[in-house]
N, C-alpha and C. Protein backbone atom coordinates (compact mmCIF):
# COMPACT_ATOMS: atom_id res chain seq x y z
N GLN A 1 -14.39 77.58 -18.72
CA GLN A 1 -15.00 76.94 -19.88
C GLN A 1 -16.41 77.50 -20.08
N VAL A 2 -16.64 77.97 -21.28
CA VAL A 2 -17.94 78.55 -21.57
C VAL A 2 -18.94 77.44 -21.89
N GLN A 3 -20.11 77.56 -21.30
CA GLN A 3 -21.19 76.62 -21.58
C GLN A 3 -22.49 77.38 -21.79
N LEU A 4 -23.21 76.98 -22.83
CA LEU A 4 -24.56 77.45 -23.07
C LEU A 4 -25.44 76.22 -23.11
N VAL A 5 -26.42 76.16 -22.22
CA VAL A 5 -27.26 74.98 -22.12
C VAL A 5 -28.72 75.39 -22.35
N GLU A 6 -29.26 74.88 -23.45
CA GLU A 6 -30.65 75.18 -23.78
C GLU A 6 -31.58 74.17 -23.13
N SER A 7 -32.79 74.59 -22.85
CA SER A 7 -33.81 73.71 -22.32
C SER A 7 -35.18 74.23 -22.74
N GLY A 8 -36.18 73.36 -22.58
CA GLY A 8 -37.54 73.77 -22.85
C GLY A 8 -38.12 73.23 -24.14
N GLY A 9 -37.30 72.62 -24.97
CA GLY A 9 -37.82 72.03 -26.19
C GLY A 9 -38.75 70.87 -25.88
N ALA A 10 -39.76 70.69 -26.75
CA ALA A 10 -40.74 69.65 -26.49
C ALA A 10 -41.57 69.40 -27.74
N LEU A 11 -42.44 68.43 -27.64
CA LEU A 11 -43.46 68.19 -28.66
C LEU A 11 -44.70 68.99 -28.25
N VAL A 12 -45.18 69.80 -29.18
CA VAL A 12 -46.32 70.65 -28.88
C VAL A 12 -47.27 70.63 -30.06
N GLN A 13 -48.54 70.80 -29.79
CA GLN A 13 -49.53 70.81 -30.86
C GLN A 13 -49.54 72.16 -31.59
N PRO A 14 -49.96 72.16 -32.85
CA PRO A 14 -50.08 73.43 -33.57
C PRO A 14 -50.95 74.41 -32.80
N GLY A 15 -50.51 75.67 -32.78
CA GLY A 15 -51.21 76.68 -32.02
C GLY A 15 -50.73 76.82 -30.60
N GLY A 16 -49.89 75.90 -30.18
CA GLY A 16 -49.40 75.92 -28.81
C GLY A 16 -48.24 76.87 -28.61
N SER A 17 -47.75 76.90 -27.39
CA SER A 17 -46.64 77.78 -27.01
C SER A 17 -45.54 77.00 -26.33
N LEU A 18 -44.35 77.54 -26.41
CA LEU A 18 -43.20 76.99 -25.70
C LEU A 18 -42.33 78.12 -25.21
N ARG A 19 -41.64 77.84 -24.13
CA ARG A 19 -40.69 78.81 -23.58
C ARG A 19 -39.34 78.12 -23.50
N LEU A 20 -38.41 78.59 -24.31
CA LEU A 20 -37.06 78.05 -24.31
C LEU A 20 -36.17 78.90 -23.42
N SER A 21 -35.24 78.24 -22.76
CA SER A 21 -34.27 78.94 -21.92
C SER A 21 -32.86 78.52 -22.27
N CYS A 22 -31.95 79.44 -22.08
CA CYS A 22 -30.53 79.17 -22.30
C CYS A 22 -29.78 79.69 -21.07
N ALA A 23 -29.10 78.79 -20.41
CA ALA A 23 -28.32 79.16 -19.23
C ALA A 23 -26.85 79.21 -19.62
N ALA A 24 -26.22 80.33 -19.34
CA ALA A 24 -24.82 80.53 -19.72
C ALA A 24 -23.92 80.52 -18.49
N SER A 25 -22.72 80.01 -18.68
CA SER A 25 -21.72 80.03 -17.62
C SER A 25 -20.34 80.16 -18.23
N GLY A 26 -19.39 80.65 -17.45
CA GLY A 26 -18.02 80.76 -17.92
C GLY A 26 -17.73 81.97 -18.78
N LEU A 27 -18.65 82.92 -18.82
CA LEU A 27 -18.43 84.13 -19.61
C LEU A 27 -19.06 85.32 -18.89
N THR A 28 -18.62 86.51 -19.29
CA THR A 28 -19.21 87.73 -18.73
C THR A 28 -20.50 88.00 -19.49
N PHE A 29 -21.54 87.42 -19.00
CA PHE A 29 -22.79 87.32 -19.76
C PHE A 29 -23.31 88.67 -20.22
N ASN A 30 -23.23 89.68 -19.37
CA ASN A 30 -23.94 90.92 -19.69
C ASN A 30 -23.31 91.73 -20.82
N ILE A 31 -22.15 91.32 -21.31
CA ILE A 31 -21.57 92.05 -22.44
C ILE A 31 -21.90 91.40 -23.77
N TYR A 32 -22.51 90.22 -23.72
CA TYR A 32 -22.78 89.47 -24.93
C TYR A 32 -24.16 89.76 -25.51
N THR A 33 -24.21 89.87 -26.83
CA THR A 33 -25.48 89.80 -27.52
C THR A 33 -25.90 88.33 -27.55
N MET A 34 -27.13 88.07 -27.18
CA MET A 34 -27.63 86.70 -27.13
C MET A 34 -28.65 86.50 -28.25
N SER A 35 -28.54 85.36 -28.88
CA SER A 35 -29.40 85.08 -30.03
C SER A 35 -29.94 83.65 -29.96
N TRP A 36 -31.05 83.48 -30.62
CA TRP A 36 -31.60 82.14 -30.86
C TRP A 36 -31.60 81.90 -32.36
N TYR A 37 -31.12 80.73 -32.75
CA TYR A 37 -31.17 80.26 -34.12
C TYR A 37 -31.96 78.96 -34.14
N ARG A 38 -32.35 78.58 -35.34
CA ARG A 38 -32.98 77.27 -35.49
C ARG A 38 -32.51 76.63 -36.79
N GLN A 39 -32.57 75.31 -36.77
CA GLN A 39 -32.20 74.55 -37.96
C GLN A 39 -33.17 73.40 -38.14
N ALA A 40 -33.91 73.46 -39.22
CA ALA A 40 -34.85 72.40 -39.55
C ALA A 40 -34.13 71.36 -40.41
N PRO A 41 -34.64 70.15 -40.44
CA PRO A 41 -34.00 69.10 -41.25
C PRO A 41 -33.85 69.52 -42.71
N GLY A 42 -32.64 69.39 -43.23
CA GLY A 42 -32.40 69.72 -44.63
C GLY A 42 -32.30 71.20 -44.93
N LYS A 43 -32.33 72.03 -43.90
CA LYS A 43 -32.27 73.48 -44.10
C LYS A 43 -31.09 74.08 -43.37
N GLU A 44 -30.73 75.30 -43.78
CA GLU A 44 -29.63 75.98 -43.13
C GLU A 44 -30.09 76.56 -41.79
N ARG A 45 -29.12 76.75 -40.91
CA ARG A 45 -29.43 77.38 -39.64
C ARG A 45 -29.79 78.85 -39.89
N GLU A 46 -30.86 79.31 -39.22
CA GLU A 46 -31.30 80.67 -39.43
C GLU A 46 -31.51 81.39 -38.11
N LEU A 47 -31.29 82.70 -38.16
CA LEU A 47 -31.48 83.53 -36.98
C LEU A 47 -32.97 83.70 -36.70
N VAL A 48 -33.35 83.50 -35.46
CA VAL A 48 -34.74 83.62 -35.05
C VAL A 48 -34.98 84.91 -34.27
N ALA A 49 -34.10 85.18 -33.31
CA ALA A 49 -34.27 86.37 -32.48
C ALA A 49 -32.94 86.71 -31.81
N SER A 50 -32.76 87.98 -31.49
CA SER A 50 -31.56 88.38 -30.79
C SER A 50 -31.88 89.52 -29.84
N ILE A 51 -31.03 89.66 -28.83
CA ILE A 51 -31.19 90.74 -27.85
C ILE A 51 -29.79 91.23 -27.49
N THR A 52 -29.61 92.54 -27.55
CA THR A 52 -28.30 93.11 -27.29
C THR A 52 -28.02 93.18 -25.79
N ARG A 53 -26.79 93.54 -25.49
CA ARG A 53 -26.42 93.72 -24.10
C ARG A 53 -27.33 94.75 -23.46
N PHE A 54 -27.63 94.54 -22.22
CA PHE A 54 -28.55 95.35 -21.43
C PHE A 54 -29.99 95.26 -21.93
N GLY A 55 -30.23 94.47 -22.94
CA GLY A 55 -31.58 94.36 -23.49
C GLY A 55 -32.05 95.60 -24.21
N ASP A 56 -31.11 96.41 -24.69
CA ASP A 56 -31.45 97.67 -25.33
C ASP A 56 -32.25 97.49 -26.61
N SER A 57 -31.96 96.40 -27.30
CA SER A 57 -32.58 96.22 -28.61
C SER A 57 -32.85 94.75 -28.86
N THR A 58 -33.96 94.48 -29.50
CA THR A 58 -34.30 93.12 -29.89
C THR A 58 -34.59 93.08 -31.38
N ALA A 59 -34.43 91.91 -31.96
CA ALA A 59 -34.73 91.72 -33.38
C ALA A 59 -35.30 90.34 -33.57
N TYR A 60 -36.18 90.22 -34.57
CA TYR A 60 -36.86 88.96 -34.81
C TYR A 60 -36.89 88.65 -36.30
N ALA A 61 -36.87 87.34 -36.60
CA ALA A 61 -37.03 86.91 -37.98
C ALA A 61 -38.41 87.31 -38.47
N ASP A 62 -38.48 87.79 -39.71
CA ASP A 62 -39.77 88.20 -40.26
C ASP A 62 -40.80 87.08 -40.23
N SER A 63 -40.33 85.86 -40.44
CA SER A 63 -41.25 84.72 -40.51
C SER A 63 -41.90 84.41 -39.17
N MET A 64 -41.31 84.94 -38.10
CA MET A 64 -41.84 84.63 -36.77
C MET A 64 -42.23 85.88 -35.99
N LYS A 65 -42.09 87.04 -36.63
CA LYS A 65 -42.38 88.28 -35.93
C LYS A 65 -43.82 88.30 -35.43
N GLY A 66 -44.00 88.76 -34.22
CA GLY A 66 -45.32 88.80 -33.62
C GLY A 66 -45.65 87.57 -32.81
N ARG A 67 -44.84 86.53 -32.97
CA ARG A 67 -45.08 85.29 -32.24
C ARG A 67 -43.98 85.00 -31.25
N LEU A 68 -42.96 85.86 -31.21
CA LEU A 68 -41.79 85.62 -30.36
C LEU A 68 -41.56 86.77 -29.41
N THR A 69 -41.01 86.40 -28.25
CA THR A 69 -40.50 87.40 -27.33
C THR A 69 -39.20 86.88 -26.75
N ILE A 70 -38.13 87.64 -26.96
CA ILE A 70 -36.84 87.27 -26.39
C ILE A 70 -36.56 88.20 -25.21
N SER A 71 -36.01 87.64 -24.15
CA SER A 71 -35.68 88.43 -22.98
C SER A 71 -34.44 87.85 -22.32
N ARG A 72 -33.82 88.65 -21.48
CA ARG A 72 -32.62 88.18 -20.79
C ARG A 72 -32.67 88.60 -19.33
N ASP A 73 -32.01 87.81 -18.50
CA ASP A 73 -31.87 88.10 -17.08
C ASP A 73 -30.38 88.04 -16.78
N ASP A 74 -29.76 89.19 -16.74
CA ASP A 74 -28.31 89.22 -16.53
C ASP A 74 -27.91 88.79 -15.13
N ALA A 75 -28.82 88.86 -14.19
CA ALA A 75 -28.51 88.40 -12.84
C ALA A 75 -28.44 86.88 -12.78
N LYS A 76 -29.18 86.23 -13.68
CA LYS A 76 -29.20 84.76 -13.69
C LYS A 76 -28.46 84.17 -14.88
N ASN A 77 -27.87 85.04 -15.71
CA ASN A 77 -27.15 84.58 -16.91
C ASN A 77 -28.02 83.70 -17.80
N THR A 78 -29.22 84.14 -18.03
CA THR A 78 -30.12 83.36 -18.86
C THR A 78 -30.78 84.24 -19.94
N VAL A 79 -31.11 83.60 -21.03
CA VAL A 79 -31.89 84.24 -22.08
C VAL A 79 -33.05 83.31 -22.40
N THR A 80 -34.20 83.91 -22.61
CA THR A 80 -35.43 83.13 -22.78
C THR A 80 -36.10 83.51 -24.09
N LEU A 81 -36.69 82.53 -24.73
CA LEU A 81 -37.45 82.77 -25.95
C LEU A 81 -38.86 82.21 -25.76
N GLN A 82 -39.81 83.10 -25.73
CA GLN A 82 -41.22 82.71 -25.67
C GLN A 82 -41.75 82.62 -27.09
N MET A 83 -42.30 81.46 -27.44
CA MET A 83 -42.82 81.24 -28.79
C MET A 83 -44.30 80.89 -28.70
N ASP A 84 -45.11 81.61 -29.43
CA ASP A 84 -46.56 81.40 -29.42
C ASP A 84 -47.07 81.06 -30.81
N SER A 85 -48.27 80.54 -30.86
CA SER A 85 -48.94 80.21 -32.13
C SER A 85 -48.03 79.38 -33.03
N LEU A 86 -47.47 78.34 -32.47
CA LEU A 86 -46.52 77.52 -33.21
C LEU A 86 -47.20 76.74 -34.32
N THR A 87 -46.46 76.56 -35.40
CA THR A 87 -46.94 75.79 -36.55
C THR A 87 -45.94 74.67 -36.83
N PRO A 88 -46.34 73.67 -37.61
CA PRO A 88 -45.39 72.59 -37.94
C PRO A 88 -44.12 73.11 -38.60
N GLU A 89 -44.20 74.25 -39.27
CA GLU A 89 -43.01 74.83 -39.91
C GLU A 89 -42.00 75.34 -38.89
N ASP A 90 -42.38 75.43 -37.65
CA ASP A 90 -41.46 75.85 -36.61
C ASP A 90 -40.66 74.68 -36.04
N THR A 91 -40.94 73.49 -36.50
CA THR A 91 -40.20 72.32 -36.05
C THR A 91 -38.73 72.44 -36.45
N ALA A 92 -37.86 72.34 -35.46
CA ALA A 92 -36.43 72.51 -35.69
C ALA A 92 -35.68 72.29 -34.39
N VAL A 93 -34.37 72.23 -34.51
CA VAL A 93 -33.52 72.31 -33.32
C VAL A 93 -33.21 73.79 -33.11
N TYR A 94 -33.42 74.27 -31.90
CA TYR A 94 -33.21 75.67 -31.56
C TYR A 94 -31.92 75.80 -30.77
N TYR A 95 -31.08 76.73 -31.21
CA TYR A 95 -29.76 76.91 -30.62
C TYR A 95 -29.64 78.30 -30.01
N CYS A 96 -28.91 78.37 -28.94
CA CYS A 96 -28.57 79.61 -28.28
C CYS A 96 -27.14 80.00 -28.69
N LYS A 97 -26.94 81.29 -28.92
CA LYS A 97 -25.61 81.78 -29.32
C LYS A 97 -25.29 83.04 -28.54
N ALA A 98 -24.05 83.13 -28.08
CA ALA A 98 -23.54 84.32 -27.40
C ALA A 98 -22.47 84.95 -28.27
N THR A 99 -22.56 86.24 -28.51
CA THR A 99 -21.62 86.94 -29.38
C THR A 99 -21.12 88.21 -28.74
N PHE A 100 -19.80 88.39 -28.78
CA PHE A 100 -19.19 89.65 -28.37
C PHE A 100 -18.03 89.93 -29.32
N LEU A 101 -18.17 90.97 -30.09
CA LEU A 101 -17.18 91.31 -31.13
C LEU A 101 -16.99 90.08 -32.03
N LYS A 102 -15.79 89.55 -32.11
CA LYS A 102 -15.55 88.42 -33.01
C LYS A 102 -15.60 87.08 -32.31
N THR A 103 -16.02 87.08 -31.06
CA THR A 103 -16.08 85.85 -30.28
C THR A 103 -17.53 85.39 -30.19
N SER A 104 -17.75 84.11 -30.43
CA SER A 104 -19.09 83.57 -30.28
C SER A 104 -19.04 82.15 -29.75
N TYR A 105 -20.12 81.80 -29.07
CA TYR A 105 -20.27 80.46 -28.50
C TYR A 105 -21.67 79.96 -28.82
N TRP A 106 -21.77 78.65 -28.99
CA TRP A 106 -23.04 78.00 -29.29
C TRP A 106 -23.39 76.97 -28.23
N GLY A 107 -24.67 76.81 -28.04
CA GLY A 107 -25.15 75.71 -27.23
C GLY A 107 -25.35 74.48 -28.10
N GLN A 108 -25.79 73.41 -27.47
CA GLN A 108 -25.97 72.13 -28.17
C GLN A 108 -27.33 72.00 -28.84
N GLY A 109 -28.24 72.87 -28.47
CA GLY A 109 -29.55 72.87 -29.11
C GLY A 109 -30.61 72.12 -28.32
N THR A 110 -31.86 72.48 -28.58
CA THR A 110 -33.00 71.80 -27.98
C THR A 110 -34.05 71.59 -29.06
N GLN A 111 -34.63 70.41 -29.10
CA GLN A 111 -35.56 70.05 -30.17
C GLN A 111 -36.95 70.57 -29.88
N VAL A 112 -37.50 71.25 -30.88
CA VAL A 112 -38.89 71.68 -30.85
C VAL A 112 -39.63 70.98 -31.99
N THR A 113 -40.67 70.27 -31.64
CA THR A 113 -41.47 69.58 -32.64
C THR A 113 -42.92 70.02 -32.50
N VAL A 114 -43.47 70.51 -33.60
CA VAL A 114 -44.85 70.97 -33.60
C VAL A 114 -45.65 70.02 -34.48
N SER A 115 -46.51 69.26 -33.84
CA SER A 115 -47.26 68.24 -34.57
C SER A 115 -48.51 67.87 -33.79
N SER A 116 -49.54 67.50 -34.54
CA SER A 116 -50.76 67.02 -33.89
C SER A 116 -50.73 65.50 -33.78
């Protein structure tokens, strides 16, 4: 059974940082492209960052470029998203996704709230 479990979401003040983690199990982690998405209230889910197998390539949403770093540890089956200079507009539920060809899995999400 495949499981993706996100952690690290919290309430943080504007300008602060958070580090989200996603722990995967039940899949051959190193062949999957790993991505982070977010969904704010009343908005569609959007891609935030992704990292290909072996970490060869990363991509970031234009709205967050320069404030994010995505990384993976294939030995620990984890993917991490470092987020800096957070603003209230970054408030959302952040989801982890694993994709290989036409197969994908989602985590349950972790809440990030940016507020003073």
